[in-house]
N, C-alpha and C. Protein backbone atom coordinates (compact mmCIF):
# COMPACT_ATOMS: atom_id res chain seq x y z
N UNK A 1 3.49 -152.99 -110.46
CA UNK A 1 2.52 -152.15 -111.10
C UNK A 1 1.09 -152.44 -110.60
N UNK A 2 0.28 -151.41 -110.45
CA UNK A 2 -1.07 -151.60 -109.94
C UNK A 2 -1.98 -152.29 -110.98
N UNK A 3 -1.64 -152.17 -112.23
CA UNK A 3 -2.50 -152.73 -113.32
C UNK A 3 -3.41 -151.75 -113.87
N UNK A 4 -3.52 -150.52 -113.33
CA UNK A 4 -4.49 -149.50 -113.83
C UNK A 4 -3.75 -148.35 -114.43
N UNK A 5 -4.28 -147.97 -115.64
CA UNK A 5 -3.76 -146.80 -116.35
C UNK A 5 -2.21 -146.94 -116.66
N UNK A 6 -1.76 -148.12 -116.84
CA UNK A 6 -0.38 -148.34 -117.25
C UNK A 6 -0.20 -147.89 -118.70
N UNK A 7 1.05 -147.70 -119.00
CA UNK A 7 1.35 -147.27 -120.45
C UNK A 7 1.21 -148.50 -121.37
N UNK A 8 0.40 -148.33 -122.35
CA UNK A 8 0.20 -149.43 -123.37
C UNK A 8 0.54 -148.85 -124.76
N UNK A 9 1.69 -148.23 -124.85
CA UNK A 9 2.06 -147.65 -126.17
C UNK A 9 2.23 -148.66 -127.21
N UNK A 10 1.80 -148.30 -128.40
CA UNK A 10 1.97 -149.17 -129.57
C UNK A 10 0.93 -150.31 -129.70
N UNK A 11 0.06 -150.38 -128.71
CA UNK A 11 -0.99 -151.42 -128.74
C UNK A 11 -2.07 -150.98 -129.72
N UNK A 12 -2.25 -151.67 -130.83
CA UNK A 12 -3.24 -151.36 -131.78
C UNK A 12 -4.07 -152.52 -132.31
N UNK A 13 -4.03 -153.62 -131.56
CA UNK A 13 -4.68 -154.82 -131.97
C UNK A 13 -5.88 -155.14 -131.12
N UNK A 14 -7.08 -155.07 -131.67
CA UNK A 14 -8.27 -155.50 -131.00
C UNK A 14 -8.32 -157.01 -130.98
N UNK A 15 -8.97 -157.54 -129.90
CA UNK A 15 -9.13 -158.98 -129.77
C UNK A 15 -10.34 -159.44 -130.48
N UNK A 16 -10.13 -159.67 -131.76
CA UNK A 16 -11.33 -160.10 -132.55
C UNK A 16 -11.27 -161.58 -132.75
N UNK A 17 -12.39 -162.21 -132.83
CA UNK A 17 -12.56 -163.64 -133.08
C UNK A 17 -12.00 -164.54 -132.02
N UNK A 18 -11.86 -164.10 -130.82
CA UNK A 18 -11.46 -165.00 -129.71
C UNK A 18 -12.54 -164.95 -128.66
N UNK A 19 -12.65 -166.05 -127.91
CA UNK A 19 -13.80 -166.21 -126.98
C UNK A 19 -13.81 -165.20 -125.86
N UNK A 20 -12.67 -164.65 -125.50
CA UNK A 20 -12.66 -163.73 -124.36
C UNK A 20 -12.33 -162.31 -124.82
N UNK A 21 -12.54 -162.00 -126.07
CA UNK A 21 -12.40 -160.65 -126.61
C UNK A 21 -13.80 -160.06 -126.80
N UNK A 22 -14.03 -158.95 -126.15
CA UNK A 22 -15.38 -158.35 -126.17
C UNK A 22 -15.32 -156.89 -126.50
N UNK A 23 -16.45 -156.41 -126.90
CA UNK A 23 -16.72 -154.90 -127.01
C UNK A 23 -18.20 -154.72 -126.73
N UNK A 24 -18.47 -153.95 -125.66
CA UNK A 24 -19.88 -153.78 -125.31
C UNK A 24 -20.06 -152.49 -124.45
N UNK A 25 -21.27 -152.10 -124.28
CA UNK A 25 -21.64 -150.93 -123.45
C UNK A 25 -22.02 -151.46 -122.12
N UNK A 26 -21.46 -150.88 -121.05
CA UNK A 26 -21.73 -151.24 -119.71
C UNK A 26 -22.47 -150.11 -118.99
N UNK A 27 -23.60 -150.45 -118.36
CA UNK A 27 -24.37 -149.46 -117.63
C UNK A 27 -24.32 -149.88 -116.12
N UNK A 28 -23.89 -148.96 -115.27
CA UNK A 28 -23.87 -149.12 -113.84
C UNK A 28 -24.88 -148.17 -113.26
N UNK A 29 -25.99 -148.68 -112.78
CA UNK A 29 -27.04 -147.86 -112.25
C UNK A 29 -26.60 -147.04 -111.03
N UNK A 30 -27.36 -146.01 -110.76
CA UNK A 30 -27.06 -145.17 -109.61
C UNK A 30 -27.15 -145.95 -108.32
N UNK A 31 -26.37 -145.54 -107.35
CA UNK A 31 -26.37 -146.20 -106.00
C UNK A 31 -26.16 -147.68 -106.07
N UNK A 32 -25.21 -148.13 -106.91
CA UNK A 32 -24.94 -149.60 -107.06
C UNK A 32 -23.46 -149.87 -107.14
N UNK A 33 -23.16 -151.13 -106.98
CA UNK A 33 -21.76 -151.59 -107.07
C UNK A 33 -21.68 -152.93 -107.83
N UNK A 34 -20.51 -153.11 -108.40
CA UNK A 34 -20.18 -154.45 -108.99
C UNK A 34 -19.09 -155.00 -108.03
N UNK A 35 -19.41 -156.16 -107.46
CA UNK A 35 -18.44 -156.77 -106.48
C UNK A 35 -17.11 -157.10 -107.14
N UNK A 36 -16.12 -157.26 -106.24
CA UNK A 36 -14.73 -157.59 -106.68
C UNK A 36 -14.79 -158.97 -107.55
N UNK A 37 -14.05 -158.91 -108.63
CA UNK A 37 -13.92 -160.13 -109.51
C UNK A 37 -12.64 -159.95 -110.35
N UNK A 38 -12.36 -161.04 -111.04
CA UNK A 38 -11.19 -161.05 -111.92
C UNK A 38 -11.58 -161.52 -113.26
N UNK A 39 -11.00 -161.10 -114.36
CA UNK A 39 -11.20 -161.59 -115.65
C UNK A 39 -10.52 -163.02 -115.82
N UNK A 40 -10.92 -163.67 -116.89
CA UNK A 40 -10.45 -165.15 -117.04
C UNK A 40 -9.03 -165.28 -117.45
N UNK A 41 -8.38 -164.19 -117.94
CA UNK A 41 -7.00 -164.40 -118.44
C UNK A 41 -6.25 -163.03 -118.40
N UNK A 42 -4.86 -163.18 -118.43
CA UNK A 42 -4.11 -161.99 -118.47
C UNK A 42 -3.56 -161.71 -119.87
N UNK A 43 -4.22 -162.37 -120.89
CA UNK A 43 -3.84 -162.19 -122.27
C UNK A 43 -4.38 -160.87 -122.84
N UNK A 44 -5.22 -160.17 -122.07
CA UNK A 44 -5.93 -158.99 -122.53
C UNK A 44 -5.79 -157.87 -121.55
N UNK A 45 -6.00 -156.69 -122.09
CA UNK A 45 -6.20 -155.52 -121.27
C UNK A 45 -7.58 -154.97 -121.64
N UNK A 46 -8.17 -154.34 -120.66
CA UNK A 46 -9.55 -153.90 -120.88
C UNK A 46 -9.55 -152.36 -120.88
N UNK A 47 -10.23 -151.81 -121.83
CA UNK A 47 -10.34 -150.32 -122.01
C UNK A 47 -11.73 -149.88 -121.68
N UNK A 48 -11.91 -148.98 -120.76
CA UNK A 48 -13.28 -148.32 -120.42
C UNK A 48 -13.19 -146.94 -120.91
N UNK A 49 -14.06 -146.59 -121.85
CA UNK A 49 -14.22 -145.27 -122.38
C UNK A 49 -15.50 -144.68 -121.81
N UNK A 50 -15.28 -143.59 -121.05
CA UNK A 50 -16.47 -142.96 -120.37
C UNK A 50 -17.33 -142.27 -121.39
N UNK A 51 -18.60 -142.78 -121.46
CA UNK A 51 -19.58 -142.13 -122.36
C UNK A 51 -20.54 -141.21 -121.59
N UNK A 52 -20.96 -141.64 -120.43
CA UNK A 52 -21.84 -140.85 -119.60
C UNK A 52 -21.40 -141.13 -118.17
N UNK A 53 -20.61 -140.14 -117.59
CA UNK A 53 -20.06 -140.28 -116.21
C UNK A 53 -20.61 -139.22 -115.38
N UNK A 54 -21.38 -139.60 -114.36
CA UNK A 54 -21.89 -138.59 -113.46
C UNK A 54 -20.81 -137.97 -112.54
N UNK A 55 -21.09 -136.73 -112.09
CA UNK A 55 -20.19 -136.08 -111.12
C UNK A 55 -20.39 -136.84 -109.75
N UNK A 56 -19.33 -136.95 -109.00
CA UNK A 56 -19.41 -137.52 -107.66
C UNK A 56 -18.69 -138.88 -107.57
N UNK A 57 -19.06 -139.61 -106.64
CA UNK A 57 -18.38 -140.93 -106.28
C UNK A 57 -18.74 -141.97 -107.30
N UNK A 58 -17.93 -142.08 -108.39
CA UNK A 58 -18.21 -143.09 -109.42
C UNK A 58 -16.84 -143.53 -109.88
N UNK A 59 -16.41 -144.77 -109.49
CA UNK A 59 -15.04 -145.17 -109.75
C UNK A 59 -14.89 -146.67 -109.88
N UNK A 60 -13.71 -147.03 -110.41
CA UNK A 60 -13.32 -148.44 -110.51
C UNK A 60 -12.01 -148.55 -109.63
N UNK A 61 -11.93 -149.71 -108.95
CA UNK A 61 -10.76 -150.02 -108.17
C UNK A 61 -10.14 -151.27 -108.74
N UNK A 62 -8.88 -151.18 -109.16
CA UNK A 62 -8.11 -152.30 -109.68
C UNK A 62 -6.92 -152.48 -108.81
N UNK A 63 -6.78 -153.73 -108.24
CA UNK A 63 -5.66 -154.10 -107.44
C UNK A 63 -5.40 -153.09 -106.29
N UNK A 64 -6.50 -152.59 -105.74
CA UNK A 64 -6.41 -151.66 -104.62
C UNK A 64 -6.19 -150.20 -105.01
N UNK A 65 -6.18 -149.85 -106.28
CA UNK A 65 -6.02 -148.50 -106.67
C UNK A 65 -7.28 -148.01 -107.37
N UNK A 66 -7.83 -146.91 -106.86
CA UNK A 66 -9.11 -146.38 -107.38
C UNK A 66 -8.88 -145.27 -108.40
N UNK A 67 -9.72 -145.30 -109.43
CA UNK A 67 -9.65 -144.26 -110.52
C UNK A 67 -11.09 -143.88 -110.87
N UNK A 68 -11.32 -142.57 -110.97
CA UNK A 68 -12.66 -142.07 -111.36
C UNK A 68 -12.75 -142.05 -112.85
N UNK A 69 -13.87 -142.55 -113.42
CA UNK A 69 -14.04 -142.41 -114.84
C UNK A 69 -14.33 -141.00 -115.20
N UNK A 70 -14.11 -140.60 -116.42
CA UNK A 70 -14.38 -139.28 -116.91
C UNK A 70 -14.93 -139.37 -118.38
N UNK A 71 -15.82 -138.44 -118.69
CA UNK A 71 -16.38 -138.49 -120.04
C UNK A 71 -15.27 -138.35 -121.06
N UNK A 72 -15.39 -139.18 -122.14
CA UNK A 72 -14.42 -139.13 -123.29
C UNK A 72 -12.98 -139.45 -122.90
N UNK A 73 -12.78 -140.11 -121.79
CA UNK A 73 -11.45 -140.55 -121.39
C UNK A 73 -11.45 -142.02 -121.13
N UNK A 74 -10.28 -142.62 -121.41
CA UNK A 74 -10.13 -144.09 -121.21
C UNK A 74 -9.34 -144.42 -119.91
N UNK A 75 -9.79 -145.54 -119.39
CA UNK A 75 -9.03 -146.20 -118.29
C UNK A 75 -8.69 -147.57 -118.84
N UNK A 76 -7.42 -147.89 -118.81
CA UNK A 76 -7.00 -149.22 -119.33
C UNK A 76 -6.42 -150.00 -118.11
N UNK A 77 -6.75 -151.29 -118.10
CA UNK A 77 -6.22 -152.11 -116.99
C UNK A 77 -6.22 -153.60 -117.40
N UNK A 78 -5.36 -154.32 -116.71
CA UNK A 78 -5.33 -155.79 -116.84
C UNK A 78 -6.36 -156.29 -116.02
N UNK A 79 -7.49 -156.89 -116.57
CA UNK A 79 -8.60 -157.26 -115.80
C UNK A 79 -8.44 -158.65 -115.14
N UNK A 80 -7.19 -159.23 -115.22
CA UNK A 80 -6.87 -160.40 -114.47
C UNK A 80 -6.64 -160.04 -113.02
N UNK A 81 -6.37 -158.73 -112.75
CA UNK A 81 -6.27 -158.18 -111.46
C UNK A 81 -7.69 -158.10 -110.77
N UNK A 82 -7.70 -158.28 -109.47
CA UNK A 82 -8.97 -158.08 -108.75
C UNK A 82 -9.52 -156.69 -108.95
N UNK A 83 -10.76 -156.54 -109.36
CA UNK A 83 -11.30 -155.23 -109.57
C UNK A 83 -12.82 -155.14 -109.24
N UNK A 84 -13.27 -153.95 -108.88
CA UNK A 84 -14.71 -153.74 -108.58
C UNK A 84 -15.06 -152.32 -109.04
N UNK A 85 -16.35 -152.02 -109.10
CA UNK A 85 -16.80 -150.73 -109.52
C UNK A 85 -17.94 -150.20 -108.61
N UNK A 86 -17.98 -148.90 -108.44
CA UNK A 86 -18.97 -148.29 -107.58
C UNK A 86 -19.50 -146.99 -108.19
N UNK A 87 -20.87 -146.87 -108.08
CA UNK A 87 -21.47 -145.65 -108.54
C UNK A 87 -22.44 -145.20 -107.42
N UNK A 88 -21.94 -144.27 -106.58
CA UNK A 88 -22.74 -143.79 -105.49
C UNK A 88 -23.37 -142.40 -105.81
N UNK A 89 -23.67 -142.19 -107.09
CA UNK A 89 -24.27 -140.97 -107.50
C UNK A 89 -25.80 -141.21 -107.76
N UNK A 90 -26.49 -140.22 -108.18
CA UNK A 90 -27.92 -140.34 -108.52
C UNK A 90 -28.20 -140.50 -109.99
N UNK A 91 -27.19 -140.84 -110.81
CA UNK A 91 -27.29 -141.05 -112.25
C UNK A 91 -26.59 -142.27 -112.67
N UNK A 92 -26.97 -142.83 -113.83
CA UNK A 92 -26.28 -143.95 -114.41
C UNK A 92 -24.86 -143.59 -114.85
N UNK A 93 -23.95 -144.61 -114.83
CA UNK A 93 -22.66 -144.50 -115.44
C UNK A 93 -22.63 -145.38 -116.63
N UNK A 94 -22.24 -144.81 -117.77
CA UNK A 94 -22.17 -145.61 -118.98
C UNK A 94 -20.80 -145.59 -119.61
N UNK A 95 -20.22 -146.77 -119.87
CA UNK A 95 -18.87 -146.78 -120.44
C UNK A 95 -18.92 -147.81 -121.57
N UNK A 96 -18.05 -147.59 -122.61
CA UNK A 96 -17.82 -148.57 -123.64
C UNK A 96 -16.59 -149.35 -123.19
N UNK A 97 -16.75 -150.68 -123.20
CA UNK A 97 -15.66 -151.59 -122.87
C UNK A 97 -15.19 -152.30 -124.06
N UNK A 98 -13.86 -152.28 -124.27
CA UNK A 98 -13.21 -152.91 -125.38
C UNK A 98 -12.04 -153.71 -124.87
N UNK A 99 -11.88 -154.98 -125.31
CA UNK A 99 -10.76 -155.78 -124.89
C UNK A 99 -9.64 -155.71 -125.99
N UNK A 100 -8.45 -155.57 -125.51
CA UNK A 100 -7.27 -155.47 -126.47
C UNK A 100 -6.25 -156.52 -126.04
N UNK A 101 -5.45 -156.99 -126.98
CA UNK A 101 -4.42 -157.91 -126.64
C UNK A 101 -3.40 -157.21 -125.72
N UNK A 102 -2.97 -158.04 -124.74
CA UNK A 102 -2.02 -157.46 -123.77
C UNK A 102 -0.72 -157.00 -124.55
N UNK A 103 -0.21 -155.84 -124.23
CA UNK A 103 0.90 -155.28 -125.06
C UNK A 103 2.23 -156.09 -124.86
N UNK A 104 2.36 -156.93 -123.90
CA UNK A 104 3.56 -157.72 -123.68
C UNK A 104 3.58 -158.94 -124.56
N UNK A 105 2.44 -159.28 -125.21
CA UNK A 105 2.43 -160.41 -126.15
C UNK A 105 3.11 -160.13 -127.42
N UNK A 106 3.86 -161.05 -128.00
CA UNK A 106 4.47 -160.92 -129.25
C UNK A 106 3.44 -161.20 -130.34
N UNK A 107 3.69 -160.81 -131.60
CA UNK A 107 2.80 -161.13 -132.71
C UNK A 107 2.64 -162.59 -132.89
N UNK A 108 3.71 -163.34 -132.63
CA UNK A 108 3.64 -164.87 -132.75
C UNK A 108 2.71 -165.41 -131.64
N UNK A 109 2.84 -164.87 -130.48
CA UNK A 109 1.95 -165.35 -129.35
C UNK A 109 0.47 -164.96 -129.63
N UNK A 110 0.25 -163.82 -130.18
CA UNK A 110 -1.12 -163.35 -130.54
C UNK A 110 -1.69 -164.36 -131.59
N UNK A 111 -0.90 -164.70 -132.59
CA UNK A 111 -1.39 -165.66 -133.57
C UNK A 111 -1.67 -166.98 -133.01
N UNK A 112 -0.86 -167.53 -132.15
CA UNK A 112 -1.07 -168.77 -131.52
C UNK A 112 -2.33 -168.70 -130.66
N UNK A 113 -2.49 -167.72 -129.86
CA UNK A 113 -3.67 -167.67 -128.95
C UNK A 113 -5.00 -167.39 -129.77
N UNK A 114 -4.85 -166.68 -130.88
CA UNK A 114 -5.98 -166.45 -131.74
C UNK A 114 -6.49 -167.76 -132.29
N UNK A 115 -5.61 -168.61 -132.70
CA UNK A 115 -6.01 -169.92 -133.21
C UNK A 115 -6.48 -170.83 -132.12
N UNK A 116 -5.82 -170.83 -130.94
CA UNK A 116 -6.20 -171.65 -129.81
C UNK A 116 -7.61 -171.35 -129.24
N UNK A 117 -7.91 -170.04 -129.21
CA UNK A 117 -9.14 -169.63 -128.56
C UNK A 117 -10.11 -168.97 -129.54
N UNK A 118 -10.04 -169.44 -130.81
CA UNK A 118 -10.92 -168.95 -131.89
C UNK A 118 -12.41 -169.21 -131.56
N UNK A 119 -13.21 -168.31 -131.90
CA UNK A 119 -14.66 -168.50 -131.78
C UNK A 119 -15.10 -169.48 -132.85
N UNK A 120 -15.75 -170.52 -132.49
CA UNK A 120 -16.16 -171.58 -133.39
C UNK A 120 -17.51 -171.10 -134.05
N UNK A 121 -17.52 -171.05 -135.35
CA UNK A 121 -18.69 -170.58 -136.13
C UNK A 121 -19.67 -171.72 -136.33
């Protein structure tokens, strides 16, 4: 599997209260790139919801497979795979990023990892 836009049916658990669970808005300026990188764990999948996606060359590449963002559409991928982003348009790209538990984890595993990686208050 390429790790991009795979089926994540039945996944309804947000990664709350763990150190590598995030939800944030990401802005990629015009004529810019985010170099290749990997996330810290394969316990999560990352969802990108297109909020403001310009027409033209504006895409994410995960494990060698490129996908163009679209307004009001999600791209989901395992961010432990090597990935990069590019916006070669004249406008900003804005996406909402939300981390979700990997769908292959059992409820028991999620409980264990939630306790192990809990955010310390």
